[in-house]
Amino acid sequence: MISIEHTHAYKAYIVEKHFNRRVGELTTLLITALFIDPHAKTLVGTCGSGTEKDNAAVIYSWVRQQACCASCILELDVKTLQRRLVRYLLDIAVQHEYIE
């Protein structure tokens, strides 16, 4: 029987691809749950590094920072991530309460 083994570079590519897809999914869930306008630029100046083009890119970058690698992203659930993002946004806005 012939066994085909993938190269290390290919395996790394697949892991990175899954990681990016999961970050995108979490970004969409957070934007939807918190009613953030993904096309507006309100978070770019306050939360972003300045290179992001809209709120969706800012949230994507933030989620990527929260999950440093592919194994870390598997441990994150949406509710925990949502609480962290709200706390982060409140800290930036110098507010201490969030009313849903």
PDB file of N, CA and C in Angstrom:
ATOM      1  N   MET A   1       0.834  -1.170   0.000  1.00  0.00           N
ATOM      2  CA  MET A   1       0.000   0.000   0.000  1.00  0.00           C
ATOM      3  C   MET A   1       0.886   1.242   0.000  1.00  0.00           C
ATOM      4  N   ILE A   2       0.524   2.202  -0.794  1.00  0.00           N
ATOM      5  CA  ILE A   2       1.277   3.445  -0.893  1.00  0.00           C
ATOM      6  C   ILE A   2       0.751   4.417   0.157  1.00  0.00           C
ATOM      7  N   SER A   3       1.671   5.024   0.882  1.00  0.00           N
ATOM      8  CA  SER A   3       1.309   5.998   1.902  1.00  0.00           C
ATOM      9  C   SER A   3       1.821   7.373   1.481  1.00  0.00           C
ATOM     10  N   ILE A   4       0.926   8.318   1.422  1.00  0.00           N
ATOM     11  CA  ILE A   4       1.294   9.674   1.044  1.00  0.00           C
ATOM     12  C   ILE A   4       1.339  10.521   2.309  1.00  0.00           C
ATOM     13  N   GLU A   5       2.476  11.122   2.521  1.00  0.00           N
ATOM     14  CA  GLU A   5       2.634  11.952   3.708  1.00  0.00           C
ATOM     15  C   GLU A   5       2.749  13.411   3.284  1.00  0.00           C
ATOM     16  N   HIS A   6       2.051  14.269   3.996  1.00  0.00           N
ATOM     17  CA  HIS A   6       2.076  15.696   3.685  1.00  0.00           C
ATOM     18  C   HIS A   6       3.322  16.340   4.278  1.00  0.00           C
ATOM     19  N   THR A   7       3.785  17.360   3.600  1.00  0.00           N
ATOM     20  CA  THR A   7       4.961  18.073   4.080  1.00  0.00           C
ATOM     21  C   THR A   7       4.598  18.926   5.287  1.00  0.00           C
ATOM     22  N   HIS A   8       5.592  19.342   6.008  1.00  0.00           N
ATOM     23  CA  HIS A   8       5.391  20.194   7.184  1.00  0.00           C
ATOM     24  C   HIS A   8       4.777  21.529   6.780  1.00  0.00           C
ATOM     25  N   ALA A   9       5.210  22.059   5.657  1.00  0.00           N
ATOM     26  CA  ALA A   9       4.676  23.339   5.186  1.00  0.00           C
ATOM     27  C   ALA A   9       3.191  23.225   4.852  1.00  0.00           C
ATOM     28  N   TYR A  10       2.796  22.107   4.248  1.00  0.00           N
ATOM     29  CA  TYR A  10       1.392  21.910   3.910  1.00  0.00           C
ATOM     30  C   TYR A  10       0.544  21.777   5.174  1.00  0.00           C
ATOM     31  N   LYS A  11       1.041  21.033   6.154  1.00  0.00           N
ATOM     32  CA  LYS A  11       0.320  20.877   7.420  1.00  0.00           C
ATOM     33  C   LYS A  11       0.174  22.222   8.131  1.00  0.00           C
ATOM     34  N   ALA A  12       1.230  23.020   8.107  1.00  0.00           N
ATOM     35  CA  ALA A  12       1.169  24.348   8.722  1.00  0.00           C
ATOM     36  C   ALA A  12       0.166  25.243   7.992  1.00  0.00           C
ATOM     37  N   TYR A  13       0.119  25.123   6.681  1.00  0.00           N
ATOM     38  CA  TYR A  13      -0.841  25.883   5.884  1.00  0.00           C
ATOM     39  C   TYR A  13      -2.277  25.509   6.256  1.00  0.00           C
ATOM     40  N   ILE A  14      -2.553  24.233   6.403  1.00  0.00           N
ATOM     41  CA  ILE A  14      -3.896  23.770   6.747  1.00  0.00           C
ATOM     42  C   ILE A  14      -4.289  24.248   8.143  1.00  0.00           C
ATOM     43  N   VAL A  15      -3.379  24.182   9.098  1.00  0.00           N
ATOM     44  CA  VAL A  15      -3.659  24.648  10.458  1.00  0.00           C
ATOM     45  C   VAL A  15      -3.950  26.150  10.445  1.00  0.00           C
ATOM     46  N   GLU A  16      -3.146  26.918   9.718  1.00  0.00           N
ATOM     47  CA  GLU A  16      -3.351  28.370   9.622  1.00  0.00           C
ATOM     48  C   GLU A  16      -4.682  28.689   8.940  1.00  0.00           C
ATOM     49  N   LYS A  17      -5.043  27.915   7.941  1.00  0.00           N
ATOM     50  CA  LYS A  17      -6.302  28.112   7.231  1.00  0.00           C
ATOM     51  C   LYS A  17      -7.491  27.879   8.169  1.00  0.00           C
ATOM     52  N   HIS A  18      -7.451  26.815   8.957  1.00  0.00           N
ATOM     53  CA  HIS A  18      -8.516  26.533   9.920  1.00  0.00           C
ATOM     54  C   HIS A  18      -8.570  27.603  11.004  1.00  0.00           C
ATOM     55  N   PHE A  19      -7.402  28.049  11.436  1.00  0.00           N
ATOM     56  CA  PHE A  19      -7.322  29.106  12.451  1.00  0.00           C
ATOM     57  C   PHE A  19      -7.975  30.384  11.941  1.00  0.00           C
ATOM     58  N   ASN A  20      -7.629  30.806  10.742  1.00  0.00           N
ATOM     59  CA  ASN A  20      -8.198  32.021  10.161  1.00  0.00           C
ATOM     60  C   ASN A  20      -9.707  31.903   9.960  1.00  0.00           C
ATOM     61  N   ARG A  21     -10.163  30.717   9.568  1.00  0.00           N
ATOM     62  CA  ARG A  21     -11.598  30.515   9.388  1.00  0.00           C
ATOM     63  C   ARG A  21     -12.325  30.623  10.724  1.00  0.00           C
ATOM     64  N   ARG A  22     -11.757  30.039  11.786  1.00  0.00           N
ATOM     65  CA  ARG A  22     -12.394  30.102  13.115  1.00  0.00           C
ATOM     66  C   ARG A  22     -12.382  31.538  13.659  1.00  0.00           C
ATOM     67  N   VAL A  23     -11.302  32.265  13.427  1.00  0.00           N
ATOM     68  CA  VAL A  23     -11.247  33.676  13.837  1.00  0.00           C
ATOM     69  C   VAL A  23     -12.335  34.458  13.112  1.00  0.00           C
ATOM     70  N   GLY A  24     -12.522  34.199  11.836  1.00  0.00           N
ATOM     71  CA  GLY A  24     -13.571  34.864  11.067  1.00  0.00           C
ATOM     72  C   GLY A  24     -14.960  34.531  11.585  1.00  0.00           C
ATOM     73  N   GLU A  25     -15.174  33.268  11.952  1.00  0.00           N
ATOM     74  CA  GLU A  25     -16.469  32.861  12.501  1.00  0.00           C
ATOM     75  C   GLU A  25     -16.737  33.565  13.827  1.00  0.00           C
ATOM     76  N   LEU A  26     -15.738  33.585  14.713  1.00  0.00           N
ATOM     77  CA  LEU A  26     -15.897  34.251  16.003  1.00  0.00           C
ATOM     78  C   LEU A  26     -16.116  35.749  15.834  1.00  0.00           C
ATOM     79  N   THR A  27     -15.425  36.342  14.872  1.00  0.00           N
ATOM     80  CA  THR A  27     -15.604  37.766  14.586  1.00  0.00           C
ATOM     81  C   THR A  27     -17.042  38.051  14.171  1.00  0.00           C
ATOM     82  N   THR A  28     -17.576  37.242  13.286  1.00  0.00           N
ATOM     83  CA  THR A  28     -18.955  37.418  12.830  1.00  0.00           C
ATOM     84  C   THR A  28     -19.935  37.246  13.983  1.00  0.00           C
ATOM     85  N   LEU A  29     -19.702  36.254  14.831  1.00  0.00           N
ATOM     86  CA  LEU A  29     -20.586  36.037  15.976  1.00  0.00           C
ATOM     87  C   LEU A  29     -20.557  37.218  16.943  1.00  0.00           C
ATOM     88  N   LEU A  30     -19.379  37.762  17.199  1.00  0.00           N
ATOM     89  CA  LEU A  30     -19.270  38.905  18.111  1.00  0.00           C
ATOM     90  C   LEU A  30     -19.929  40.151  17.528  1.00  0.00           C
ATOM     91  N   ILE A  31     -19.699  40.397  16.268  1.00  0.00           N
ATOM     92  CA  ILE A  31     -20.304  41.560  15.610  1.00  0.00           C
ATOM     93  C   ILE A  31     -21.828  41.459  15.649  1.00  0.00           C
ATOM     94  N   THR A  32     -22.346  40.261  15.421  1.00  0.00           N
ATOM     95  CA  THR A  32     -23.789  40.050  15.440  1.00  0.00           C
ATOM     96  C   THR A  32     -24.348  40.174  16.860  1.00  0.00           C
ATOM     97  N   ALA A  33     -23.689  39.546  17.817  1.00  0.00           N
ATOM     98  CA  ALA A  33     -24.187  39.543  19.198  1.00  0.00           C
ATOM     99  C   ALA A  33     -24.173  40.932  19.827  1.00  0.00           C
ATOM    100  N   LEU A  34     -23.176  41.738  19.479  1.00  0.00           N
ATOM    101  CA  LEU A  34     -23.048  43.061  20.086  1.00  0.00           C
ATOM    102  C   LEU A  34     -23.601  44.184  19.207  1.00  0.00           C
ATOM    103  N   PHE A  35     -24.241  43.828  18.115  1.00  0.00           N
ATOM    104  CA  PHE A  35     -24.855  44.807  17.202  1.00  0.00           C
ATOM    105  C   PHE A  35     -23.850  45.862  16.741  1.00  0.00           C
ATOM    106  N   ILE A  36     -22.676  45.412  16.356  1.00  0.00           N
ATOM    107  CA  ILE A  36     -21.631  46.313  15.852  1.00  0.00           C
ATOM    108  C   ILE A  36     -21.801  46.420  14.343  1.00  0.00           C
ATOM    109  N   ASP A  37     -21.773  47.640  13.834  1.00  0.00           N
ATOM    110  CA  ASP A  37     -21.842  47.849  12.391  1.00  0.00           C
ATOM    111  C   ASP A  37     -20.486  47.487  11.793  1.00  0.00           C
ATOM    112  N   PRO A  38     -20.399  46.413  11.029  1.00  0.00           N
ATOM    113  CA  PRO A  38     -19.101  45.962  10.528  1.00  0.00           C
ATOM    114  C   PRO A  38     -18.458  46.901   9.513  1.00  0.00           C
ATOM    115  N   HIS A  39     -19.266  47.729   8.850  1.00  0.00           N
ATOM    116  CA  HIS A  39     -18.736  48.598   7.802  1.00  0.00           C
ATOM    117  C   HIS A  39     -18.412  50.007   8.292  1.00  0.00           C
ATOM    118  N   ALA A  40     -18.818  50.327   9.514  1.00  0.00           N
ATOM    119  CA  ALA A  40     -18.508  51.642  10.075  1.00  0.00           C
ATOM    120  C   ALA A  40     -17.043  51.684  10.510  1.00  0.00           C
ATOM    121  N   LYS A  41     -16.576  52.861  10.849  1.00  0.00           N
ATOM    122  CA  LYS A  41     -15.177  53.024  11.239  1.00  0.00           C
ATOM    123  C   LYS A  41     -15.051  53.570  12.661  1.00  0.00           C
ATOM    124  N   THR A  42     -16.082  53.352  13.483  1.00  0.00           N
ATOM    125  CA  THR A  42     -16.107  53.927  14.824  1.00  0.00           C
ATOM    126  C   THR A  42     -15.054  53.329  15.749  1.00  0.00           C
ATOM    127  N   LEU A  43     -14.715  52.068  15.579  1.00  0.00           N
ATOM    128  CA  LEU A  43     -13.743  51.414  16.453  1.00  0.00           C
ATOM    129  C   LEU A  43     -12.310  51.531  15.955  1.00  0.00           C
ATOM    130  N   VAL A  44     -12.133  51.964  14.725  1.00  0.00           N
ATOM    131  CA  VAL A  44     -10.795  52.020  14.134  1.00  0.00           C
ATOM    132  C   VAL A  44      -9.884  52.967  14.903  1.00  0.00           C
ATOM    133  N   GLY A  45     -10.380  54.145  15.225  1.00  0.00           N
ATOM    134  CA  GLY A  45      -9.553  55.133  15.915  1.00  0.00           C
ATOM    135  C   GLY A  45      -9.299  54.816  17.365  1.00  0.00           C
ATOM    136  N   THR A  46     -10.260  54.154  18.021  1.00  0.00           N
ATOM    137  CA  THR A  46     -10.113  53.902  19.454  1.00  0.00           C
ATOM    138  C   THR A  46      -9.495  52.559  19.779  1.00  0.00           C
ATOM    139  N   CYS A  47      -9.847  51.537  19.035  1.00  0.00           N
ATOM    140  CA  CYS A  47      -9.388  50.179  19.364  1.00  0.00           C
ATOM    141  C   CYS A  47      -8.351  49.622  18.397  1.00  0.00           C
ATOM    142  N   GLY A  48      -8.377  50.095  17.198  1.00  0.00           N
ATOM    143  CA  GLY A  48      -7.503  49.528  16.176  1.00  0.00           C
ATOM    144  C   GLY A  48      -6.109  50.105  16.195  1.00  0.00           C
ATOM    145  N   SER A  49      -5.281  49.498  15.393  1.00  0.00           N
ATOM    146  CA  SER A  49      -3.900  49.972  15.273  1.00  0.00           C
ATOM    147  C   SER A  49      -3.800  51.106  14.260  1.00  0.00           C
ATOM    148  N   GLY A  50      -4.883  51.369  13.554  1.00  0.00           N
ATOM    149  CA  GLY A  50      -4.897  52.418  12.551  1.00  0.00           C
ATOM    150  C   GLY A  50      -4.791  51.894  11.136  1.00  0.00           C
ATOM    151  N   THR A  51      -4.452  50.627  11.001  1.00  0.00           N
ATOM    152  CA  THR A  51      -4.327  50.038   9.670  1.00  0.00           C
ATOM    153  C   THR A  51      -5.594  49.336   9.215  1.00  0.00           C
ATOM    154  N   GLU A  52      -6.524  49.121  10.142  1.00  0.00           N
ATOM    155  CA  GLU A  52      -7.762  48.437   9.792  1.00  0.00           C
ATOM    156  C   GLU A  52      -8.674  49.366   9.011  1.00  0.00           C
ATOM    157  N   LYS A  53      -9.463  48.791   8.111  1.00  0.00           N
ATOM    158  CA  LYS A  53     -10.322  49.616   7.263  1.00  0.00           C
ATOM    159  C   LYS A  53     -11.711  49.822   7.833  1.00  0.00           C
ATOM    160  N   ASP A  54     -12.174  48.927   8.737  1.00  0.00           N
ATOM    161  CA  ASP A  54     -13.503  49.073   9.307  1.00  0.00           C
ATOM    162  C   ASP A  54     -13.603  48.313  10.627  1.00  0.00           C
ATOM    163  N   ASN A  55     -14.788  48.356  11.244  1.00  0.00           N
ATOM    164  CA  ASN A  55     -14.992  47.698  12.531  1.00  0.00           C
ATOM    165  C   ASN A  55     -14.766  46.196  12.465  1.00  0.00           C
ATOM    166  N   ALA A  56     -15.150  45.573  11.374  1.00  0.00           N
ATOM    167  CA  ALA A  56     -14.965  44.131  11.228  1.00  0.00           C
ATOM    168  C   ALA A  56     -13.482  43.765  11.295  1.00  0.00           C
ATOM    169  N   ALA A  57     -12.646  44.557  10.666  1.00  0.00           N
ATOM    170  CA  ALA A  57     -11.204  44.292  10.694  1.00  0.00           C
ATOM    171  C   ALA A  57     -10.626  44.515  12.090  1.00  0.00           C
ATOM    172  N   VAL A  58     -11.162  45.496  12.817  1.00  0.00           N
ATOM    173  CA  VAL A  58     -10.709  45.747  14.189  1.00  0.00           C
ATOM    174  C   VAL A  58     -11.052  44.554  15.083  1.00  0.00           C
ATOM    175  N   ILE A  59     -12.287  44.078  14.991  1.00  0.00           N
ATOM    176  CA  ILE A  59     -12.715  42.939  15.805  1.00  0.00           C
ATOM    177  C   ILE A  59     -11.942  41.682  15.406  1.00  0.00           C
ATOM    178  N   TYR A  60     -11.699  41.506  14.120  1.00  0.00           N
ATOM    179  CA  TYR A  60     -10.915  40.359  13.647  1.00  0.00           C
ATOM    180  C   TYR A  60      -9.515  40.392  14.266  1.00  0.00           C
ATOM    181  N   SER A  61      -8.884  41.543  14.265  1.00  0.00           N
ATOM    182  CA  SER A  61      -7.543  41.669  14.858  1.00  0.00           C
ATOM    183  C   SER A  61      -7.574  41.388  16.351  1.00  0.00           C
ATOM    184  N   TRP A  62      -8.613  41.865  17.021  1.00  0.00           N
ATOM    185  CA  TRP A  62      -8.729  41.655  18.458  1.00  0.00           C
ATOM    186  C   TRP A  62      -8.910  40.173  18.782  1.00  0.00           C
ATOM    187  N   VAL A  63      -9.752  39.493  18.018  1.00  0.00           N
ATOM    188  CA  VAL A  63      -9.968  38.054  18.231  1.00  0.00           C
ATOM    189  C   VAL A  63      -8.675  37.300  17.976  1.00  0.00           C
ATOM    190  N   ARG A  64      -7.958  37.697  16.959  1.00  0.00           N
ATOM    191  CA  ARG A  64      -6.680  37.049  16.639  1.00  0.00           C
ATOM    192  C   ARG A  64      -5.675  37.217  17.765  1.00  0.00           C
ATOM    193  N   GLN A  65      -5.690  38.364  18.433  1.00  0.00           N
ATOM    194  CA  GLN A  65      -4.801  38.579  19.574  1.00  0.00           C
ATOM    195  C   GLN A  65      -5.213  37.731  20.771  1.00  0.00           C
ATOM    196  N   GLN A  66      -6.501  37.535  20.949  1.00  0.00           N
ATOM    197  CA  GLN A  66      -6.994  36.739  22.076  1.00  0.00           C
ATOM    198  C   GLN A  66      -6.620  35.271  21.928  1.00  0.00           C
ATOM    199  N   ALA A  67      -6.606  34.792  20.713  1.00  0.00           N
ATOM    200  CA  ALA A  67      -6.241  33.403  20.429  1.00  0.00           C
ATOM    201  C   ALA A  67      -4.926  33.414  19.679  1.00  0.00           C
ATOM    202  N   CYS A  68      -3.861  33.235  20.397  1.00  0.00           N
ATOM    203  CA  CYS A  68      -2.537  33.387  19.791  1.00  0.00           C
ATOM    204  C   CYS A  68      -2.192  32.274  18.801  1.00  0.00           C
ATOM    205  N   CYS A  69      -2.813  31.097  18.960  1.00  0.00           N
ATOM    206  CA  CYS A  69      -2.479  29.983  18.071  1.00  0.00           C
ATOM    207  C   CYS A  69      -3.708  29.112  17.843  1.00  0.00           C
ATOM    208  N   ALA A  70      -3.556  28.118  17.004  1.00  0.00           N
ATOM    209  CA  ALA A  70      -4.681  27.261  16.636  1.00  0.00           C
ATOM    210  C   ALA A  70      -5.193  26.448  17.823  1.00  0.00           C
ATOM    211  N   SER A  71      -4.324  26.046  18.720  1.00  0.00           N
ATOM    212  CA  SER A  71      -4.793  25.276  19.873  1.00  0.00           C
ATOM    213  C   SER A  71      -5.516  26.160  20.879  1.00  0.00           C
ATOM    214  N   CYS A  72      -5.132  27.422  20.978  1.00  0.00           N
ATOM    215  CA  CYS A  72      -5.791  28.353  21.907  1.00  0.00           C
ATOM    216  C   CYS A  72      -7.208  28.690  21.450  1.00  0.00           C
ATOM    217  N   ILE A  73      -7.414  28.759  20.161  1.00  0.00           N
ATOM    218  CA  ILE A  73      -8.734  29.154  19.656  1.00  0.00           C
ATOM    219  C   ILE A  73      -9.772  28.075  19.908  1.00  0.00           C
ATOM    220  N   LEU A  74      -9.345  26.845  20.046  1.00  0.00           N
ATOM    221  CA  LEU A  74     -10.287  25.770  20.329  1.00  0.00           C
ATOM    222  C   LEU A  74     -10.862  25.886  21.737  1.00  0.00           C
ATOM    223  N   GLU A  75     -10.127  26.521  22.638  1.00  0.00           N
ATOM    224  CA  GLU A  75     -10.562  26.652  24.019  1.00  0.00           C
ATOM    225  C   GLU A  75     -11.480  27.847  24.245  1.00  0.00           C
ATOM    226  N   LEU A  76     -11.569  28.749  23.282  1.00  0.00           N
ATOM    227  CA  LEU A  76     -12.389  29.948  23.440  1.00  0.00           C
ATOM    228  C   LEU A  76     -13.843  29.658  23.092  1.00  0.00           C
ATOM    229  N   ASP A  77     -14.745  30.114  23.952  1.00  0.00           N
ATOM    230  CA  ASP A  77     -16.151  30.043  23.605  1.00  0.00           C
ATOM    231  C   ASP A  77     -16.651  31.472  23.377  1.00  0.00           C
ATOM    232  N   VAL A  78     -17.764  31.587  22.711  1.00  0.00           N
ATOM    233  CA  VAL A  78     -18.259  32.884  22.276  1.00  0.00           C
ATOM    234  C   VAL A  78     -18.637  33.766  23.464  1.00  0.00           C
ATOM    235  N   LYS A  79     -19.280  33.207  24.474  1.00  0.00           N
ATOM    236  CA  LYS A  79     -19.716  34.007  25.620  1.00  0.00           C
ATOM    237  C   LYS A  79     -18.531  34.611  26.361  1.00  0.00           C
ATOM    238  N   THR A  80     -17.485  33.832  26.582  1.00  0.00           N
ATOM    239  CA  THR A  80     -16.292  34.344  27.252  1.00  0.00           C
ATOM    240  C   THR A  80     -15.646  35.433  26.410  1.00  0.00           C
ATOM    241  N   LEU A  81     -15.543  35.188  25.140  1.00  0.00           N
ATOM    242  CA  LEU A  81     -14.957  36.174  24.236  1.00  0.00           C
ATOM    243  C   LEU A  81     -15.805  37.441  24.191  1.00  0.00           C
ATOM    244  N   GLN A  82     -17.115  37.292  24.222  1.00  0.00           N
ATOM    245  CA  GLN A  82     -18.008  38.444  24.219  1.00  0.00           C
ATOM    246  C   GLN A  82     -17.808  39.279  25.491  1.00  0.00           C
ATOM    247  N   ARG A  83     -17.712  38.623  26.634  1.00  0.00           N
ATOM    248  CA  ARG A  83     -17.475  39.353  27.883  1.00  0.00           C
ATOM    249  C   ARG A  83     -16.145  40.085  27.857  1.00  0.00           C
ATOM    250  N   ARG A  84     -15.114  39.441  27.337  1.00  0.00           N
ATOM    251  CA  ARG A  84     -13.795  40.078  27.238  1.00  0.00           C
ATOM    252  C   ARG A  84     -13.834  41.301  26.330  1.00  0.00           C
ATOM    253  N   LEU A  85     -14.533  41.177  25.194  1.00  0.00           N
ATOM    254  CA  LEU A  85     -14.612  42.294  24.258  1.00  0.00           C
ATOM    255  C   LEU A  85     -15.383  43.461  24.868  1.00  0.00           C
ATOM    256  N   VAL A  86     -16.487  43.179  25.534  1.00  0.00           N
ATOM    257  CA  VAL A  86     -17.256  44.247  26.170  1.00  0.00           C
ATOM    258  C   VAL A  86     -16.406  44.932  27.237  1.00  0.00           C
ATOM    259  N   ARG A  87     -15.698  44.155  28.041  1.00  0.00           N
ATOM    260  CA  ARG A  87     -14.837  44.723  29.077  1.00  0.00           C
ATOM    261  C   ARG A  87     -13.738  45.581  28.444  1.00  0.00           C
ATOM    262  N   TYR A  88     -13.161  45.101  27.352  1.00  0.00           N
ATOM    263  CA  TYR A  88     -12.119  45.842  26.636  1.00  0.00           C
ATOM    264  C   TYR A  88     -12.664  47.161  26.104  1.00  0.00           C
ATOM    265  N   LEU A  89     -13.843  47.119  25.494  1.00  0.00           N
ATOM    266  CA  LEU A  89     -14.438  48.330  24.946  1.00  0.00           C
ATOM    267  C   LEU A  89     -14.830  49.312  26.052  1.00  0.00           C
ATOM    268  N   LEU A  90     -15.321  48.798  27.169  1.00  0.00           N
ATOM    269  CA  LEU A  90     -15.668  49.670  28.288  1.00  0.00           C
ATOM    270  C   LEU A  90     -14.424  50.306  28.903  1.00  0.00           C
ATOM    271  N   ASP A  91     -13.343  49.545  28.998  1.00  0.00           N
ATOM    272  CA  ASP A  91     -12.094  50.094  29.529  1.00  0.00           C
ATOM    273  C   ASP A  91     -11.567  51.212  28.650  1.00  0.00           C
ATOM    274  N   ILE A  92     -11.694  51.039  27.357  1.00  0.00           N
ATOM    275  CA  ILE A  92     -11.242  52.078  26.434  1.00  0.00           C
ATOM    276  C   ILE A  92     -12.133  53.315  26.545  1.00  0.00           C
ATOM    277  N   ALA A  93     -13.437  53.084  26.726  1.00  0.00           N
ATOM    278  CA  ALA A  93     -14.382  54.190  26.803  1.00  0.00           C
ATOM    279  C   ALA A  93     -14.447  54.798  28.210  1.00  0.00           C
ATOM    280  N   VAL A  94     -13.715  54.243  29.155  1.00  0.00           N
ATOM    281  CA  VAL A  94     -13.673  54.676  30.545  1.00  0.00           C
ATOM    282  C   VAL A  94     -15.059  54.645  31.179  1.00  0.00           C
ATOM    283  N   GLN A  95     -15.813  53.613  30.871  1.00  0.00           N
ATOM    284  CA  GLN A  95     -17.096  53.384  31.497  1.00  0.00           C
ATOM    285  C   GLN A  95     -16.961  52.136  32.359  1.00  0.00           C
ATOM    286  N   HIS A  96     -17.881  51.989  33.261  1.00  0.00           N
ATOM    287  CA  HIS A  96     -17.778  50.854  34.161  1.00  0.00           C
ATOM    288  C   HIS A  96     -19.007  49.964  34.168  1.00  0.00           C
ATOM    289  N   GLU A  97     -20.024  50.324  33.422  1.00  0.00           N
ATOM    290  CA  GLU A  97     -21.231  49.514  33.377  1.00  0.00           C
ATOM    291  C   GLU A  97     -21.639  49.269  31.926  1.00  0.00           C
ATOM    292  N   TYR A  98     -22.209  48.115  31.735  1.00  0.00           N
ATOM    293  CA  TYR A  98     -22.776  47.768  30.432  1.00  0.00           C
ATOM    294  C   TYR A  98     -24.164  47.215  30.676  1.00  0.00           C
ATOM    295  N   ILE A  99     -25.153  47.826  30.106  1.00  0.00           N
ATOM    296  CA  ILE A  99     -26.535  47.384  30.287  1.00  0.00           C
ATOM    297  C   ILE A  99     -27.008  46.791  28.985  1.00  0.00           C
ATOM    298  N   GLU A 100     -27.433  45.539  29.036  1.00  0.00           N
ATOM    299  CA  GLU A 100     -27.921  44.873  27.822  1.00  0.00           C
ATOM    300  C   GLU A 100     -29.357  45.196  27.587  1.00  0.00           C
TER     301      GLU A 100
END
